N, C-alpha and C. Protein backbone atom coordinates (compact mmCIF):
# COMPACT_ATOMS: atom_id res chain seq x y z
N MET A 1 1.32 -0.81 0.21
CA MET A 1 -0.36 0.19 -0.06
C MET A 1 0.78 1.16 -0.08
N PHE A 2 0.89 2.05 -0.83
CA PHE A 2 1.98 3.34 -0.99
C PHE A 2 1.00 4.71 -0.72
N HIS A 3 1.17 5.28 -0.22
CA HIS A 3 0.04 6.58 0.66
C HIS A 3 0.55 7.98 -1.27
N THR A 4 0.00 7.61 -1.42
CA THR A 4 -0.57 9.21 -2.22
C THR A 4 -1.25 10.04 -2.04
N LEU A 5 -0.70 11.11 -3.02
CA LEU A 5 -1.06 13.02 -2.91
C LEU A 5 -3.20 12.77 -3.44
N ALA A 6 -3.87 13.51 -2.52
CA ALA A 6 -5.63 13.49 -3.39
C ALA A 6 -5.00 14.26 -3.97
N PRO A 7 -6.51 13.91 -5.86
CA PRO A 7 -5.41 14.22 -6.28
C PRO A 7 -6.26 15.33 -6.68
N VAL A 8 -5.81 16.71 -6.68
CA VAL A 8 -5.90 18.15 -7.11
C VAL A 8 -5.88 19.10 -7.85
N PRO A 9 -7.32 19.94 -8.50
CA PRO A 9 -6.70 20.77 -9.97
C PRO A 9 -5.99 21.63 -10.43
N SER A 10 -4.95 21.33 -11.44
CA SER A 10 -3.95 22.42 -12.14
C SER A 10 -4.77 23.43 -11.25
N ALA A 11 -3.74 24.56 -10.47
CA ALA A 11 -4.29 26.26 -9.81
C ALA A 11 -3.45 26.64 -11.09
N GLN A 12 -4.22 28.20 -11.38
CA GLN A 12 -4.57 28.83 -13.07
C GLN A 12 -3.91 30.60 -12.26
N PHE A 13 -3.72 30.36 -12.98
CA PHE A 13 -3.23 32.02 -12.27
C PHE A 13 -2.55 33.12 -13.50
N MET A 14 -4.18 34.55 -13.29
CA MET A 14 -4.36 34.83 -14.56
C MET A 14 -3.88 36.47 -14.17
N MET A 15 -2.87 37.03 -14.81
CA MET A 15 -2.29 38.30 -14.88
C MET A 15 -2.95 39.71 -15.99
N SER A 16 -3.19 40.42 -14.99
CA SER A 16 -3.13 41.84 -15.69
C SER A 16 -2.55 42.73 -15.39
N ASP A 17 -1.86 43.43 -16.75
CA ASP A 17 -0.90 45.20 -15.90
C ASP A 17 -2.19 45.93 -16.60
N VAL A 18 -2.10 46.68 -16.17
CA VAL A 18 -2.60 48.02 -16.92
C VAL A 18 -1.98 48.91 -16.50
N SER A 19 -1.34 50.36 -17.33
CA SER A 19 -0.78 51.71 -16.95
C SER A 19 -1.83 53.29 -18.24
N GLY A 20 -1.92 53.92 -17.93
CA GLY A 20 -1.63 55.06 -18.39
C GLY A 20 -2.76 55.39 -17.92
N THR A 21 -3.83 56.88 -18.16
CA THR A 21 -5.13 57.61 -17.84
C THR A 21 -6.02 57.34 -18.62
N PRO A 22 -7.43 56.53 -18.17
CA PRO A 22 -8.50 56.49 -18.99
C PRO A 22 -8.36 57.30 -19.71
N THR A 23 -7.99 58.45 -20.24
CA THR A 23 -8.12 59.36 -21.31
C THR A 23 -7.71 59.28 -22.86
N ASP A 24 -6.39 58.49 -22.04
CA ASP A 24 -4.90 58.04 -23.58
C ASP A 24 -4.78 56.69 -23.40
N PHE A 25 -4.64 55.79 -22.65
CA PHE A 25 -4.87 54.86 -22.73
C PHE A 25 -5.24 53.91 -23.63
N THR A 26 -4.38 53.50 -25.32
CA THR A 26 -5.09 52.16 -25.88
C THR A 26 -4.42 50.75 -25.50
N PRO A 27 -5.00 49.90 -25.67
CA PRO A 27 -4.57 48.49 -25.70
C PRO A 27 -3.56 48.17 -26.81
N SER A 28 -3.20 47.51 -26.33
CA SER A 28 -1.45 47.42 -27.70
C SER A 28 -1.97 46.33 -28.35
N SER A 29 -3.49 45.85 -27.89
CA SER A 29 -3.01 45.05 -28.82
C SER A 29 -4.41 45.85 -31.11
N TRP A 30 -4.68 46.83 -29.91
CA TRP A 30 -5.12 47.59 -31.29
C TRP A 30 -4.12 48.87 -31.18
N THR A 31 -2.84 49.07 -31.92
CA THR A 31 -1.52 49.37 -31.48
C THR A 31 -1.01 48.75 -32.66
N GLN A 32 -1.08 49.44 -33.75
CA GLN A 32 -0.04 49.13 -34.75
C GLN A 32 1.59 49.11 -33.98
N PHE A 33 2.84 47.77 -34.03
CA PHE A 33 3.58 47.27 -34.00
C PHE A 33 4.33 48.44 -34.21
N GLU A 34 4.54 48.93 -34.86
CA GLU A 34 5.45 50.11 -35.89
C GLU A 34 5.18 51.50 -34.77
N ALA A 35 3.44 51.40 -34.45
CA ALA A 35 3.34 53.08 -34.39
C ALA A 35 3.10 53.11 -32.30
N GLY A 36 2.63 51.92 -32.34
CA GLY A 36 3.02 51.90 -30.36
C GLY A 36 5.52 52.30 -29.88
N LEU A 37 5.44 51.52 -30.72
CA LEU A 37 7.38 51.96 -30.40
C LEU A 37 7.36 53.05 -30.82
N ALA A 38 6.49 53.86 -31.78
CA ALA A 38 6.74 55.29 -32.23
C ALA A 38 6.92 56.28 -31.08
N ARG A 39 5.54 55.47 -30.88
CA ARG A 39 5.06 56.74 -29.25
C ARG A 39 6.09 56.41 -28.10
N GLY A 40 6.48 55.41 -28.04
CA GLY A 40 7.12 55.13 -26.88
C GLY A 40 8.43 55.86 -26.87
N ARG A 41 9.32 55.97 -27.76
CA ARG A 41 10.44 56.07 -28.19
C ARG A 41 9.66 58.20 -28.32
N ALA A 42 9.33 58.66 -28.22
CA ALA A 42 8.98 60.04 -27.87
C ALA A 42 8.42 59.99 -26.49
N GLU A 43 7.77 59.64 -26.21
CA GLU A 43 7.51 59.88 -24.43
C GLU A 43 8.78 59.55 -23.16
N LEU A 44 9.65 58.37 -23.56
CA LEU A 44 11.12 58.15 -23.32
C LEU A 44 11.92 59.63 -23.38
N ALA A 45 11.99 60.19 -24.56
CA ALA A 45 12.66 60.93 -25.26
C ALA A 45 12.42 62.04 -24.10
N ALA A 46 11.76 61.98 -24.03
CA ALA A 46 11.35 63.49 -23.94
C ALA A 46 10.86 63.45 -22.06
N GLN A 47 11.22 61.83 -21.48
CA GLN A 47 11.73 62.32 -20.44
C GLN A 47 12.65 61.93 -19.44
N GLN A 48 13.57 61.99 -20.93
CA GLN A 48 15.29 62.16 -20.03
C GLN A 48 15.75 64.43 -19.42
N LYS A 49 15.75 63.78 -18.34
CA LYS A 49 16.24 64.84 -17.95
C LYS A 49 18.14 64.78 -18.35
N THR A 50 19.42 66.31 -18.04
CA THR A 50 20.42 66.01 -18.11
C THR A 50 20.75 65.79 -16.05
N LEU A 51 21.65 65.04 -15.89
CA LEU A 51 22.46 65.33 -14.34
C LEU A 51 22.49 66.24 -14.01
N GLY A 52 22.81 67.46 -14.80
CA GLY A 52 22.60 68.53 -14.21
C GLY A 52 21.27 68.96 -13.99
N GLU A 53 20.31 69.23 -14.56
CA GLU A 53 18.76 69.47 -14.27
C GLU A 53 18.35 68.10 -13.21
N VAL A 54 18.73 67.33 -12.80
CA VAL A 54 18.67 66.07 -12.17
C VAL A 54 18.89 67.15 -10.52
N ALA A 55 20.01 67.41 -11.21
CA ALA A 55 20.88 67.95 -9.52
C ALA A 55 20.43 69.03 -8.70
N ALA A 56 20.34 69.67 -9.38
CA ALA A 56 19.22 71.17 -9.37
C ALA A 56 17.97 70.48 -8.80
N GLU A 57 17.47 70.22 -9.60
CA GLU A 57 15.80 69.38 -8.56
C GLU A 57 16.57 68.57 -6.89
N ASN A 58 16.66 68.44 -7.10
CA ASN A 58 17.38 66.87 -5.88
C ASN A 58 17.85 68.69 -4.96
N ARG A 59 18.77 69.54 -5.59
CA ARG A 59 18.40 70.49 -4.14
C ARG A 59 17.69 71.27 -4.26
N ARG A 60 17.00 72.06 -4.96
CA ARG A 60 15.30 72.78 -4.36
C ARG A 60 14.63 72.18 -3.16
N ALA A 61 14.73 70.60 -3.97
CA ALA A 61 13.59 70.13 -2.50
C ALA A 61 14.38 70.11 -1.34
N GLU A 62 12.92 70.49 -0.38
CA GLU A 62 12.91 69.75 0.62
C GLU A 62 13.23 69.01 1.24
N LYS A 63 13.88 68.23 2.06
CA LYS A 63 15.17 67.41 2.96
C LYS A 63 14.13 67.24 4.14
N ALA A 64 13.68 65.64 3.98
CA ALA A 64 12.46 65.59 5.25
C ALA A 64 13.45 65.61 7.27
N LYS A 65 13.08 65.94 7.69
CA LYS A 65 13.96 66.00 9.24
C LYS A 65 14.21 65.21 9.94
N ALA A 66 14.35 64.52 10.82
CA ALA A 66 14.32 63.66 11.41
C ALA A 66 13.29 64.03 13.06
N LYS A 67 12.04 62.98 12.98
CA LYS A 67 11.66 63.33 14.49
C LYS A 67 11.54 62.96 15.65
N PHE A 68 13.03 62.25 15.25
CA PHE A 68 14.01 61.56 16.90
C PHE A 68 15.27 61.56 16.57
N THR A 69 16.14 60.85 17.78
CA THR A 69 17.76 61.35 17.58
C THR A 69 17.84 60.12 18.46
N LEU A 70 19.40 58.88 17.99
CA LEU A 70 19.57 58.23 18.97
C LEU A 70 21.06 58.97 19.71
N THR A 71 21.11 58.45 20.96
CA THR A 71 22.00 59.21 21.25
C THR A 71 22.51 57.17 22.69
N GLN A 72 23.07 57.96 23.46
CA GLN A 72 24.40 57.14 24.34
C GLN A 72 24.48 58.26 25.41
N ASP A 73 23.57 57.16 27.10
CA ASP A 73 23.57 58.48 28.49
C ASP A 73 24.87 58.00 28.51
N ALA A 74 24.97 58.26 29.92
CA ALA A 74 26.40 57.99 30.79
C ALA A 74 26.87 55.75 30.70
N GLU A 75 25.82 55.32 30.59
CA GLU A 75 26.31 54.23 30.68
C GLU A 75 26.58 53.84 29.70
N GLY A 76 26.03 54.47 29.10
CA GLY A 76 26.62 53.49 27.18
C GLY A 76 25.23 52.90 27.05
N LYS A 77 23.50 52.84 27.49
CA LYS A 77 22.89 52.67 27.47
C LYS A 77 22.16 53.83 26.50
N ALA A 78 21.57 52.96 24.85
CA ALA A 78 20.80 53.79 24.02
C ALA A 78 19.45 54.49 24.24
N VAL A 79 19.17 55.87 23.77
CA VAL A 79 18.58 56.62 25.05
C VAL A 79 17.77 56.98 23.16
N ILE A 80 16.29 56.91 23.01
CA ILE A 80 16.26 57.22 21.65
C ILE A 80 15.15 58.97 22.53
N GLN A 81 15.46 59.97 21.93
CA GLN A 81 14.93 61.75 22.66
C GLN A 81 14.68 61.82 20.85
N ARG A 82 12.85 62.64 21.13
CA ARG A 82 12.14 63.69 20.28
C ARG A 82 13.04 65.11 19.73
N GLN A 83 13.41 65.08 18.68
CA GLN A 83 13.54 66.39 18.09
C GLN A 83 12.58 67.02 18.60
N GLN A 84 12.90 69.09 18.41
CA GLN A 84 12.69 69.50 18.75
C GLN A 84 11.82 70.52 18.23
């Protein structure tokens, strides 16, 4: 007598991924391949920035400030203190 696993139907996984806004979304199955490539290349070219532009944006952006600080007391134990 051999122990066998009970028969279980195979799992079926379906996945779909949609991006864009409802006004400009066109499924790729309805777009000609060459037209889709041209549109994708145009969008990628419009989004490219130089390193200097990215650095300037980063410099102007407001930096997040820490709300807590971690210090040591006289005995070497960690103490969490709220920033003022």
